Amino acid sequence: MSDSTISADEIGRTLLNIARTTLEEELGGSASSWQEASWLRQPGACFVTLRRGRELRGCIGSIQADRPLVEDLQANARGAAFRDPRFPPVESAELLDLTIEVSLLSPLERLEFDSEADLLKQLRPGHDGVLLEHGYHRGTFLPAVWRELREPQVFLRRLKIKAGLAEDFWSPEIAVRRYTTQSWSEADLER
C-alpha cells in the first residue's frame, strides 16, 4: 500500500466491495466494476471470512503474498463461498444474509524458541496470527481466534489439532511463524 493518501477505511471498503462483487458475479449477478488502484496489483495475502449472523459460513485465505492482492482476494472470496470443505457451497439466496470480512496479512516472521514454554512466552494474545508447521502438517489461526481462545496454551493446543497433530505433540523441528492482520468487516463498515 504505497499510496499514503488512501485511508484504512477506504482500503477496507474497496476490498469488501471487490469480495462481494466477486461472489455476486459468481452466483449469476451482473458484472460490476470498481476502480482498480495500483495498490491492488501489488503482491498481497488475505483471508476472506463469511458469516451468517455470528456463525462461520466459510473462511479461506493465503499466508504468503504470491500474487497480486486483487487476484488473491477474488480467489479467496470464491474459496470461502464455494470450496471450504467444512460447508456446502453458498447459494445465491443466502448471499444477502452473509457478512464478509477481509483480513490483510503482514509478512511472516519466524519465531526462534528452544521449548514449548519459550514459544508460549513469545506469543502475543490478541495480536498474532500464528502458522505452525511440522513435516507435512500445517495449520494457522488468524489473530481473531484469540477472541475465543484467550490463553496461549489453549491457542497452541488447538492449533496443533488443526494442523493434524496431537495437542500435546512437541518436536524441536516444529516451525512457527507469526503475522498480524488488518481486518475489515461489512458489519463495521457501511455496505
N, C-alpha and C. Protein backbone atom coordinates (compact mmCIF):
# COMPACT_ATOMS: atom_id res chain seq x y z
N MET A 1 0.83 -1.17 0.00
CA MET A 1 0.00 0.00 0.00
C MET A 1 0.88 1.24 0.00
N SER A 2 1.52 1.49 -1.08
CA SER A 2 2.44 2.61 -1.12
C SER A 2 1.73 3.96 -1.18
N ASP A 3 0.47 3.99 -1.59
CA ASP A 3 -0.24 5.26 -1.68
C ASP A 3 -0.74 5.67 -0.31
N SER A 4 -0.03 6.61 0.33
CA SER A 4 -0.35 7.01 1.70
C SER A 4 -1.57 7.90 1.78
N THR A 5 -2.13 8.30 0.64
CA THR A 5 -3.32 9.15 0.67
C THR A 5 -4.60 8.34 0.85
N ILE A 6 -4.51 7.04 0.80
CA ILE A 6 -5.68 6.18 0.95
C ILE A 6 -5.84 5.83 2.43
N SER A 7 -7.02 6.08 2.96
CA SER A 7 -7.27 5.75 4.37
C SER A 7 -7.49 4.25 4.53
N ALA A 8 -7.28 3.77 5.73
CA ALA A 8 -7.51 2.35 6.03
C ALA A 8 -8.96 1.98 5.75
N ASP A 9 -9.89 2.86 6.11
CA ASP A 9 -11.31 2.57 5.85
C ASP A 9 -11.59 2.46 4.36
N GLU A 10 -10.95 3.30 3.56
CA GLU A 10 -11.16 3.24 2.11
C GLU A 10 -10.59 1.95 1.55
N ILE A 11 -9.44 1.53 2.04
CA ILE A 11 -8.88 0.24 1.62
C ILE A 11 -9.85 -0.86 1.97
N GLY A 12 -10.37 -0.84 3.19
CA GLY A 12 -11.31 -1.86 3.63
C GLY A 12 -12.57 -1.88 2.78
N ARG A 13 -13.15 -0.72 2.53
CA ARG A 13 -14.36 -0.65 1.70
C ARG A 13 -14.09 -1.21 0.30
N THR A 14 -12.94 -0.87 -0.26
CA THR A 14 -12.59 -1.38 -1.58
C THR A 14 -12.47 -2.90 -1.57
N LEU A 15 -11.75 -3.45 -0.60
CA LEU A 15 -11.58 -4.90 -0.52
C LEU A 15 -12.92 -5.61 -0.32
N LEU A 16 -13.75 -5.09 0.56
CA LEU A 16 -15.06 -5.70 0.82
C LEU A 16 -15.94 -5.63 -0.42
N ASN A 17 -15.90 -4.51 -1.12
CA ASN A 17 -16.69 -4.35 -2.34
C ASN A 17 -16.25 -5.36 -3.41
N ILE A 18 -14.95 -5.52 -3.57
CA ILE A 18 -14.45 -6.48 -4.57
C ILE A 18 -14.86 -7.90 -4.19
N ALA A 19 -14.75 -8.25 -2.91
CA ALA A 19 -15.12 -9.60 -2.47
C ALA A 19 -16.60 -9.85 -2.73
N ARG A 20 -17.47 -8.91 -2.35
CA ARG A 20 -18.92 -9.09 -2.55
C ARG A 20 -19.25 -9.14 -4.03
N THR A 21 -18.67 -8.25 -4.82
CA THR A 21 -18.92 -8.23 -6.27
C THR A 21 -18.50 -9.55 -6.90
N THR A 22 -17.37 -10.08 -6.47
CA THR A 22 -16.89 -11.36 -6.99
C THR A 22 -17.90 -12.46 -6.73
N LEU A 23 -18.47 -12.51 -5.52
CA LEU A 23 -19.45 -13.53 -5.19
C LEU A 23 -20.75 -13.32 -5.95
N GLU A 24 -21.19 -12.08 -6.06
CA GLU A 24 -22.42 -11.79 -6.82
C GLU A 24 -22.28 -12.25 -8.26
N GLU A 25 -21.15 -11.95 -8.88
CA GLU A 25 -20.91 -12.36 -10.27
C GLU A 25 -20.87 -13.88 -10.38
N GLU A 26 -20.21 -14.53 -9.42
CA GLU A 26 -20.09 -15.98 -9.43
C GLU A 26 -21.45 -16.65 -9.31
N LEU A 27 -22.38 -15.99 -8.63
CA LEU A 27 -23.72 -16.55 -8.43
C LEU A 27 -24.72 -16.06 -9.47
N GLY A 28 -24.21 -15.51 -10.57
CA GLY A 28 -25.06 -15.15 -11.70
C GLY A 28 -25.50 -13.71 -11.75
N GLY A 29 -25.01 -12.88 -10.86
CA GLY A 29 -25.35 -11.46 -10.90
C GLY A 29 -24.64 -10.76 -12.02
N SER A 30 -25.02 -9.55 -12.27
CA SER A 30 -24.39 -8.79 -13.35
C SER A 30 -22.98 -8.37 -12.94
N ALA A 31 -22.15 -8.25 -13.93
CA ALA A 31 -20.77 -7.85 -13.67
C ALA A 31 -20.72 -6.40 -13.20
N SER A 32 -20.05 -6.17 -12.12
CA SER A 32 -19.86 -4.82 -11.61
C SER A 32 -18.41 -4.44 -11.81
N SER A 33 -18.16 -3.18 -11.67
CA SER A 33 -16.77 -2.74 -11.82
C SER A 33 -16.37 -1.91 -10.62
N TRP A 34 -15.11 -1.83 -10.41
CA TRP A 34 -14.54 -0.99 -9.37
C TRP A 34 -13.30 -0.36 -9.97
N GLN A 35 -12.92 0.72 -9.40
CA GLN A 35 -11.73 1.41 -9.90
C GLN A 35 -10.51 0.67 -9.36
N GLU A 36 -9.74 0.12 -10.28
CA GLU A 36 -8.59 -0.68 -9.86
C GLU A 36 -7.40 0.23 -9.58
N ALA A 37 -7.06 0.32 -8.33
CA ALA A 37 -5.93 1.14 -7.89
C ALA A 37 -4.64 0.34 -8.01
N SER A 38 -3.53 1.05 -8.11
CA SER A 38 -2.24 0.38 -8.28
C SER A 38 -1.91 -0.52 -7.09
N TRP A 39 -2.35 -0.16 -5.87
CA TRP A 39 -2.03 -0.99 -4.71
C TRP A 39 -2.69 -2.37 -4.78
N LEU A 40 -3.76 -2.50 -5.56
CA LEU A 40 -4.40 -3.81 -5.72
C LEU A 40 -3.56 -4.76 -6.58
N ARG A 41 -2.64 -4.21 -7.36
CA ARG A 41 -1.78 -5.03 -8.22
C ARG A 41 -0.50 -5.45 -7.50
N GLN A 42 -0.25 -4.89 -6.32
CA GLN A 42 0.92 -5.28 -5.54
C GLN A 42 0.69 -6.66 -4.94
N PRO A 43 1.75 -7.46 -4.74
CA PRO A 43 1.55 -8.76 -4.10
C PRO A 43 0.91 -8.58 -2.71
N GLY A 44 -0.04 -9.45 -2.42
CA GLY A 44 -0.72 -9.38 -1.14
C GLY A 44 -1.31 -10.72 -0.76
N ALA A 45 -1.48 -10.93 0.53
CA ALA A 45 -2.09 -12.16 1.05
C ALA A 45 -3.24 -11.76 1.96
N CYS A 46 -4.36 -12.46 1.80
CA CYS A 46 -5.52 -12.14 2.62
C CYS A 46 -6.33 -13.39 2.91
N PHE A 47 -7.22 -13.26 3.89
CA PHE A 47 -8.23 -14.26 4.20
C PHE A 47 -9.58 -13.61 3.98
N VAL A 48 -10.53 -14.37 3.49
CA VAL A 48 -11.91 -13.93 3.38
C VAL A 48 -12.74 -14.85 4.27
N THR A 49 -13.49 -14.22 5.18
CA THR A 49 -14.34 -14.95 6.11
C THR A 49 -15.79 -14.56 5.84
N LEU A 50 -16.65 -15.55 5.77
CA LEU A 50 -18.08 -15.33 5.59
C LEU A 50 -18.80 -15.77 6.86
N ARG A 51 -19.76 -14.96 7.30
CA ARG A 51 -20.55 -15.29 8.49
C ARG A 51 -22.03 -15.09 8.18
N ARG A 52 -22.84 -15.96 8.74
CA ARG A 52 -24.29 -15.77 8.75
C ARG A 52 -24.63 -15.52 10.20
N GLY A 53 -24.98 -14.27 10.51
CA GLY A 53 -25.12 -13.90 11.91
C GLY A 53 -23.74 -13.98 12.55
N ARG A 54 -23.66 -14.71 13.64
CA ARG A 54 -22.36 -14.90 14.30
C ARG A 54 -21.68 -16.20 13.91
N GLU A 55 -22.39 -17.00 13.11
CA GLU A 55 -21.88 -18.33 12.74
C GLU A 55 -20.98 -18.27 11.51
N LEU A 56 -19.86 -18.96 11.59
CA LEU A 56 -18.95 -19.07 10.46
C LEU A 56 -19.65 -19.79 9.31
N ARG A 57 -19.47 -19.28 8.11
CA ARG A 57 -20.07 -19.90 6.91
C ARG A 57 -19.01 -20.28 5.88
N GLY A 58 -17.78 -19.78 6.08
CA GLY A 58 -16.68 -20.13 5.19
C GLY A 58 -15.49 -19.23 5.47
N CYS A 59 -14.30 -19.77 5.32
CA CYS A 59 -13.09 -18.99 5.53
C CYS A 59 -11.94 -19.65 4.76
N ILE A 60 -11.39 -18.92 3.83
CA ILE A 60 -10.26 -19.40 3.03
C ILE A 60 -9.29 -18.24 2.86
N GLY A 61 -8.01 -18.55 2.86
CA GLY A 61 -7.05 -17.47 2.67
C GLY A 61 -5.69 -17.95 2.24
N SER A 62 -4.81 -16.99 2.11
CA SER A 62 -3.42 -17.21 1.72
C SER A 62 -2.52 -16.68 2.82
N ILE A 63 -1.43 -17.38 3.05
CA ILE A 63 -0.47 -16.98 4.08
C ILE A 63 0.63 -16.09 3.50
N GLN A 64 1.01 -16.35 2.27
CA GLN A 64 2.10 -15.59 1.67
C GLN A 64 1.63 -14.84 0.43
N ALA A 65 2.22 -13.69 0.19
CA ALA A 65 1.86 -12.83 -0.94
C ALA A 65 2.54 -13.33 -2.21
N ASP A 66 1.87 -14.26 -2.89
CA ASP A 66 2.43 -14.87 -4.09
C ASP A 66 1.81 -14.37 -5.39
N ARG A 67 0.81 -13.48 -5.28
CA ARG A 67 0.13 -12.97 -6.47
C ARG A 67 -0.43 -11.58 -6.15
N PRO A 68 -0.89 -10.85 -7.15
CA PRO A 68 -1.46 -9.53 -6.88
C PRO A 68 -2.62 -9.65 -5.88
N LEU A 69 -2.73 -8.67 -4.99
CA LEU A 69 -3.75 -8.69 -3.95
C LEU A 69 -5.14 -8.88 -4.52
N VAL A 70 -5.49 -8.20 -5.61
CA VAL A 70 -6.84 -8.33 -6.16
C VAL A 70 -7.12 -9.77 -6.59
N GLU A 71 -6.14 -10.45 -7.16
CA GLU A 71 -6.32 -11.85 -7.56
C GLU A 71 -6.45 -12.76 -6.34
N ASP A 72 -5.65 -12.50 -5.31
CA ASP A 72 -5.71 -13.28 -4.08
C ASP A 72 -7.09 -13.10 -3.42
N LEU A 73 -7.54 -11.87 -3.36
CA LEU A 73 -8.84 -11.56 -2.76
C LEU A 73 -9.97 -12.27 -3.49
N GLN A 74 -10.00 -12.17 -4.81
CA GLN A 74 -11.06 -12.81 -5.56
C GLN A 74 -11.03 -14.33 -5.42
N ALA A 75 -9.85 -14.92 -5.49
CA ALA A 75 -9.74 -16.38 -5.34
C ALA A 75 -10.18 -16.82 -3.95
N ASN A 76 -9.81 -16.06 -2.93
CA ASN A 76 -10.17 -16.46 -1.57
C ASN A 76 -11.65 -16.21 -1.28
N ALA A 77 -12.25 -15.19 -1.89
CA ALA A 77 -13.69 -14.98 -1.75
C ALA A 77 -14.44 -16.18 -2.35
N ARG A 78 -14.03 -16.59 -3.55
CA ARG A 78 -14.66 -17.77 -4.17
C ARG A 78 -14.43 -19.01 -3.32
N GLY A 79 -13.20 -19.15 -2.81
CA GLY A 79 -12.89 -20.32 -1.99
C GLY A 79 -13.72 -20.38 -0.73
N ALA A 80 -13.87 -19.25 -0.04
CA ALA A 80 -14.65 -19.21 1.19
C ALA A 80 -16.11 -19.56 0.92
N ALA A 81 -16.63 -19.13 -0.21
CA ALA A 81 -18.04 -19.36 -0.53
C ALA A 81 -18.30 -20.75 -1.11
N PHE A 82 -17.36 -21.27 -1.87
CA PHE A 82 -17.67 -22.49 -2.63
C PHE A 82 -16.75 -23.68 -2.39
N ARG A 83 -15.61 -23.46 -1.71
CA ARG A 83 -14.66 -24.57 -1.57
C ARG A 83 -14.19 -24.83 -0.14
N ASP A 84 -14.78 -24.19 0.85
CA ASP A 84 -14.41 -24.51 2.23
C ASP A 84 -15.00 -25.89 2.51
N PRO A 85 -14.16 -26.89 2.78
CA PRO A 85 -14.66 -28.27 2.93
C PRO A 85 -15.58 -28.47 4.14
N ARG A 86 -15.63 -27.50 5.02
CA ARG A 86 -16.50 -27.63 6.21
C ARG A 86 -17.95 -27.30 5.93
N PHE A 87 -18.23 -26.69 4.76
CA PHE A 87 -19.57 -26.18 4.47
C PHE A 87 -20.00 -26.50 3.05
N PRO A 88 -21.32 -26.61 2.82
CA PRO A 88 -21.78 -26.72 1.43
C PRO A 88 -21.57 -25.38 0.73
N PRO A 89 -21.52 -25.38 -0.60
CA PRO A 89 -21.33 -24.12 -1.32
C PRO A 89 -22.46 -23.12 -1.01
N VAL A 90 -22.10 -21.86 -0.98
CA VAL A 90 -23.07 -20.79 -0.77
C VAL A 90 -24.02 -20.75 -1.97
N GLU A 91 -25.29 -20.53 -1.68
CA GLU A 91 -26.29 -20.39 -2.74
C GLU A 91 -26.70 -18.93 -2.84
N SER A 92 -27.17 -18.53 -4.01
CA SER A 92 -27.49 -17.12 -4.24
C SER A 92 -28.51 -16.59 -3.23
N ALA A 93 -29.45 -17.41 -2.79
CA ALA A 93 -30.49 -16.96 -1.85
C ALA A 93 -29.91 -16.53 -0.51
N GLU A 94 -28.77 -17.06 -0.13
CA GLU A 94 -28.21 -16.71 1.18
C GLU A 94 -27.18 -15.59 1.14
N LEU A 95 -26.81 -15.12 -0.04
CA LEU A 95 -25.76 -14.12 -0.16
C LEU A 95 -26.09 -12.84 0.60
N LEU A 96 -27.33 -12.38 0.55
CA LEU A 96 -27.71 -11.16 1.26
C LEU A 96 -27.61 -11.29 2.78
N ASP A 97 -27.70 -12.52 3.28
CA ASP A 97 -27.62 -12.76 4.72
C ASP A 97 -26.19 -12.93 5.22
N LEU A 98 -25.24 -12.94 4.31
CA LEU A 98 -23.84 -13.15 4.69
C LEU A 98 -23.14 -11.82 4.92
N THR A 99 -22.28 -11.82 5.93
CA THR A 99 -21.40 -10.70 6.19
C THR A 99 -19.99 -11.13 5.78
N ILE A 100 -19.33 -10.29 5.04
CA ILE A 100 -17.97 -10.58 4.56
C ILE A 100 -16.97 -9.84 5.43
N GLU A 101 -15.88 -10.54 5.76
CA GLU A 101 -14.75 -9.94 6.46
C GLU A 101 -13.50 -10.24 5.65
N VAL A 102 -12.65 -9.25 5.49
CA VAL A 102 -11.37 -9.43 4.79
C VAL A 102 -10.25 -9.08 5.76
N SER A 103 -9.28 -9.98 5.85
CA SER A 103 -8.10 -9.76 6.70
C SER A 103 -6.87 -9.74 5.81
N LEU A 104 -6.16 -8.63 5.83
CA LEU A 104 -4.95 -8.45 5.05
C LEU A 104 -3.76 -8.81 5.93
N LEU A 105 -2.92 -9.73 5.48
CA LEU A 105 -1.83 -10.25 6.30
C LEU A 105 -0.53 -9.49 6.08
N SER A 106 0.23 -9.34 7.18
CA SER A 106 1.58 -8.81 7.10
C SER A 106 2.51 -9.95 6.66
N PRO A 107 3.75 -9.63 6.31
CA PRO A 107 4.73 -10.69 6.04
C PRO A 107 4.93 -11.58 7.28
N LEU A 108 5.30 -12.82 7.04
CA LEU A 108 5.54 -13.77 8.12
C LEU A 108 6.85 -13.46 8.84
N GLU A 109 6.85 -13.67 10.15
CA GLU A 109 8.04 -13.50 10.98
C GLU A 109 8.32 -14.83 11.68
N ARG A 110 9.48 -15.41 11.42
CA ARG A 110 9.84 -16.70 12.03
C ARG A 110 10.19 -16.49 13.50
N LEU A 111 9.66 -17.35 14.35
CA LEU A 111 9.97 -17.30 15.78
C LEU A 111 11.05 -18.32 16.10
N GLU A 112 12.00 -17.91 16.91
CA GLU A 112 13.07 -18.81 17.38
C GLU A 112 12.78 -19.13 18.83
N PHE A 113 12.77 -20.41 19.18
CA PHE A 113 12.46 -20.84 20.54
C PHE A 113 13.15 -22.16 20.79
N ASP A 114 13.38 -22.47 22.06
CA ASP A 114 14.05 -23.72 22.40
C ASP A 114 13.17 -24.71 23.14
N SER A 115 11.91 -24.32 23.38
CA SER A 115 10.96 -25.22 24.05
C SER A 115 9.55 -24.70 23.82
N GLU A 116 8.57 -25.51 24.14
CA GLU A 116 7.19 -25.06 24.03
C GLU A 116 6.93 -23.90 24.98
N ALA A 117 7.50 -23.97 26.18
CA ALA A 117 7.32 -22.88 27.15
C ALA A 117 7.89 -21.57 26.61
N ASP A 118 9.05 -21.65 25.95
CA ASP A 118 9.66 -20.47 25.36
C ASP A 118 8.77 -19.91 24.24
N LEU A 119 8.21 -20.79 23.42
CA LEU A 119 7.31 -20.35 22.36
C LEU A 119 6.08 -19.66 22.95
N LEU A 120 5.49 -20.25 23.97
CA LEU A 120 4.29 -19.66 24.59
C LEU A 120 4.55 -18.26 25.12
N LYS A 121 5.75 -18.03 25.65
CA LYS A 121 6.10 -16.70 26.17
C LYS A 121 6.17 -15.66 25.05
N GLN A 122 6.48 -16.10 23.83
CA GLN A 122 6.65 -15.17 22.72
C GLN A 122 5.35 -14.81 22.01
N LEU A 123 4.31 -15.61 22.21
CA LEU A 123 3.04 -15.33 21.55
C LEU A 123 2.39 -14.10 22.16
N ARG A 124 1.78 -13.30 21.32
CA ARG A 124 1.13 -12.06 21.76
C ARG A 124 -0.38 -12.21 21.57
N PRO A 125 -1.09 -12.64 22.65
CA PRO A 125 -2.53 -12.85 22.53
C PRO A 125 -3.26 -11.61 22.02
N GLY A 126 -4.20 -11.85 21.12
CA GLY A 126 -4.97 -10.77 20.55
C GLY A 126 -4.28 -10.04 19.42
N HIS A 127 -3.02 -10.32 19.20
CA HIS A 127 -2.23 -9.58 18.22
C HIS A 127 -1.71 -10.50 17.10
N ASP A 128 -1.20 -11.66 17.46
CA ASP A 128 -0.53 -12.53 16.49
C ASP A 128 -1.48 -13.50 15.80
N GLY A 129 -1.33 -13.61 14.49
CA GLY A 129 -1.77 -14.78 13.76
C GLY A 129 -0.60 -15.73 13.83
N VAL A 130 -0.86 -17.03 13.86
CA VAL A 130 0.21 -17.99 14.04
C VAL A 130 0.10 -19.10 12.99
N LEU A 131 1.23 -19.39 12.34
CA LEU A 131 1.34 -20.50 11.40
C LEU A 131 2.28 -21.52 12.03
N LEU A 132 1.79 -22.76 12.20
CA LEU A 132 2.58 -23.85 12.79
C LEU A 132 2.78 -24.91 11.72
N GLU A 133 4.03 -25.37 11.58
CA GLU A 133 4.35 -26.41 10.60
C GLU A 133 5.27 -27.45 11.22
N HIS A 134 4.98 -28.70 10.87
CA HIS A 134 5.86 -29.81 11.23
C HIS A 134 5.70 -30.87 10.15
N GLY A 135 6.77 -31.09 9.36
CA GLY A 135 6.67 -32.01 8.24
C GLY A 135 5.57 -31.54 7.30
N TYR A 136 4.65 -32.44 6.96
CA TYR A 136 3.55 -32.06 6.07
C TYR A 136 2.34 -31.52 6.85
N HIS A 137 2.43 -31.43 8.15
CA HIS A 137 1.36 -30.87 8.98
C HIS A 137 1.48 -29.35 9.00
N ARG A 138 0.33 -28.69 8.82
CA ARG A 138 0.34 -27.23 8.77
C ARG A 138 -1.01 -26.69 9.22
N GLY A 139 -0.99 -25.66 10.04
CA GLY A 139 -2.23 -25.02 10.46
C GLY A 139 -1.97 -23.59 10.84
N THR A 140 -2.98 -22.76 10.68
CA THR A 140 -2.86 -21.36 11.07
C THR A 140 -4.14 -20.89 11.75
N PHE A 141 -3.99 -19.96 12.65
CA PHE A 141 -5.09 -19.25 13.26
C PHE A 141 -4.86 -17.76 13.04
N LEU A 142 -5.89 -17.08 12.56
CA LEU A 142 -5.84 -15.62 12.44
C LEU A 142 -5.85 -15.00 13.83
N PRO A 143 -5.41 -13.77 13.97
CA PRO A 143 -5.44 -13.11 15.29
C PRO A 143 -6.84 -13.09 15.92
N ALA A 144 -7.89 -13.07 15.11
CA ALA A 144 -9.26 -13.03 15.64
C ALA A 144 -9.59 -14.25 16.48
N VAL A 145 -8.87 -15.35 16.29
CA VAL A 145 -9.15 -16.58 17.06
C VAL A 145 -8.86 -16.36 18.55
N TRP A 146 -8.00 -15.40 18.87
CA TRP A 146 -7.71 -15.11 20.28
C TRP A 146 -8.98 -14.70 21.04
N ARG A 147 -10.00 -14.19 20.33
CA ARG A 147 -11.25 -13.82 21.00
C ARG A 147 -11.91 -15.04 21.64
N GLU A 148 -11.73 -16.20 21.01
CA GLU A 148 -12.32 -17.44 21.52
C GLU A 148 -11.34 -18.23 22.38
N LEU A 149 -10.08 -18.21 22.02
CA LEU A 149 -9.04 -18.99 22.70
C LEU A 149 -8.05 -18.02 23.31
N ARG A 150 -8.36 -17.49 24.46
CA ARG A 150 -7.59 -16.39 25.05
C ARG A 150 -6.26 -16.79 25.69
N GLU A 151 -6.14 -18.03 26.10
CA GLU A 151 -4.92 -18.49 26.76
C GLU A 151 -3.94 -19.06 25.74
N PRO A 152 -2.68 -18.60 25.75
CA PRO A 152 -1.72 -19.09 24.77
C PRO A 152 -1.60 -20.62 24.72
N GLN A 153 -1.65 -21.27 25.87
CA GLN A 153 -1.52 -22.73 25.88
C GLN A 153 -2.69 -23.39 25.17
N VAL A 154 -3.90 -22.91 25.39
CA VAL A 154 -5.09 -23.45 24.72
C VAL A 154 -5.03 -23.14 23.23
N PHE A 155 -4.65 -21.92 22.89
CA PHE A 155 -4.50 -21.50 21.49
C PHE A 155 -3.54 -22.44 20.76
N LEU A 156 -2.37 -22.70 21.36
CA LEU A 156 -1.37 -23.56 20.72
C LEU A 156 -1.86 -25.00 20.62
N ARG A 157 -2.52 -25.50 21.64
CA ARG A 157 -3.05 -26.88 21.58
C ARG A 157 -4.04 -27.04 20.43
N ARG A 158 -4.97 -26.09 20.32
CA ARG A 158 -5.97 -26.16 19.26
C ARG A 158 -5.33 -25.99 17.88
N LEU A 159 -4.29 -25.18 17.80
CA LEU A 159 -3.60 -25.01 16.53
C LEU A 159 -2.91 -26.31 16.12
N LYS A 160 -2.33 -27.01 17.07
CA LYS A 160 -1.72 -28.31 16.77
C LYS A 160 -2.76 -29.27 16.23
N ILE A 161 -3.93 -29.30 16.87
CA ILE A 161 -5.00 -30.19 16.41
C ILE A 161 -5.42 -29.80 14.99
N LYS A 162 -5.57 -28.51 14.73
CA LYS A 162 -5.93 -28.06 13.39
C LYS A 162 -4.89 -28.50 12.36
N ALA A 163 -3.63 -28.53 12.76
CA ALA A 163 -2.55 -28.96 11.86
C ALA A 163 -2.48 -30.47 11.71
N GLY A 164 -3.31 -31.19 12.44
CA GLY A 164 -3.32 -32.65 12.34
C GLY A 164 -2.37 -33.33 13.31
N LEU A 165 -1.97 -32.63 14.35
CA LEU A 165 -1.06 -33.17 15.36
C LEU A 165 -1.83 -33.36 16.67
N ALA A 166 -1.27 -34.15 17.56
CA ALA A 166 -1.87 -34.29 18.89
C ALA A 166 -1.66 -32.99 19.67
N GLU A 167 -2.59 -32.64 20.53
CA GLU A 167 -2.49 -31.36 21.26
C GLU A 167 -1.26 -31.29 22.15
N ASP A 168 -0.73 -32.44 22.59
CA ASP A 168 0.46 -32.44 23.45
C ASP A 168 1.74 -32.75 22.66
N PHE A 169 1.65 -32.78 21.33
CA PHE A 169 2.81 -33.07 20.50
C PHE A 169 3.86 -31.97 20.65
N TRP A 170 5.11 -32.38 20.70
CA TRP A 170 6.20 -31.41 20.66
C TRP A 170 7.40 -32.03 19.97
N SER A 171 8.09 -31.24 19.19
CA SER A 171 9.30 -31.67 18.50
C SER A 171 10.17 -30.44 18.27
N PRO A 172 11.48 -30.59 18.35
CA PRO A 172 12.37 -29.47 18.04
C PRO A 172 12.25 -29.00 16.58
N GLU A 173 11.66 -29.84 15.72
CA GLU A 173 11.51 -29.48 14.30
C GLU A 173 10.25 -28.66 14.02
N ILE A 174 9.44 -28.37 15.02
CA ILE A 174 8.26 -27.53 14.80
C ILE A 174 8.74 -26.14 14.37
N ALA A 175 8.13 -25.62 13.32
CA ALA A 175 8.41 -24.27 12.85
C ALA A 175 7.18 -23.41 13.11
N VAL A 176 7.38 -22.23 13.66
CA VAL A 176 6.28 -21.32 13.94
C VAL A 176 6.64 -19.94 13.40
N ARG A 177 5.69 -19.39 12.66
CA ARG A 177 5.84 -18.02 12.17
C ARG A 177 4.58 -17.25 12.57
N ARG A 178 4.76 -15.98 12.84
CA ARG A 178 3.62 -15.16 13.20
C ARG A 178 3.45 -14.03 12.20
N TYR A 179 2.26 -13.46 12.22
CA TYR A 179 1.91 -12.36 11.34
C TYR A 179 0.82 -11.55 12.04
N THR A 180 0.58 -10.39 11.53
CA THR A 180 -0.53 -9.58 12.02
C THR A 180 -1.50 -9.39 10.86
N THR A 181 -2.68 -8.90 11.18
CA THR A 181 -3.66 -8.62 10.14
C THR A 181 -4.27 -7.25 10.35
N GLN A 182 -4.72 -6.70 9.27
CA GLN A 182 -5.58 -5.53 9.31
C GLN A 182 -6.90 -6.05 8.74
N SER A 183 -7.97 -5.95 9.50
CA SER A 183 -9.24 -6.57 9.11
C SER A 183 -10.36 -5.55 9.00
N TRP A 184 -11.26 -5.86 8.07
CA TRP A 184 -12.46 -5.04 7.87
C TRP A 184 -13.64 -5.98 7.71
N SER A 185 -14.75 -5.59 8.26
CA SER A 185 -15.99 -6.37 8.15
C SER A 185 -17.11 -5.48 7.67
N GLU A 186 -17.97 -6.04 6.84
CA GLU A 186 -19.15 -5.30 6.43
C GLU A 186 -20.01 -4.91 7.63
N ALA A 187 -19.91 -5.68 8.70
CA ALA A 187 -20.67 -5.35 9.90
C ALA A 187 -20.20 -4.04 10.52
N ASP A 188 -18.93 -3.69 10.29
CA ASP A 188 -18.36 -2.47 10.86
C ASP A 188 -18.39 -1.28 9.90
N LEU A 189 -18.36 -1.57 8.61
CA LEU A 189 -18.38 -0.50 7.60
C LEU A 189 -19.70 -0.59 6.85
N GLU A 190 -20.20 0.53 6.40
CA GLU A 190 -21.44 0.52 5.62
C GLU A 190 -21.24 -0.24 4.34
N ARG A 191 -22.26 -1.04 3.97
CA ARG A 191 -22.19 -1.77 2.71
C ARG A 191 -22.45 -0.85 1.57
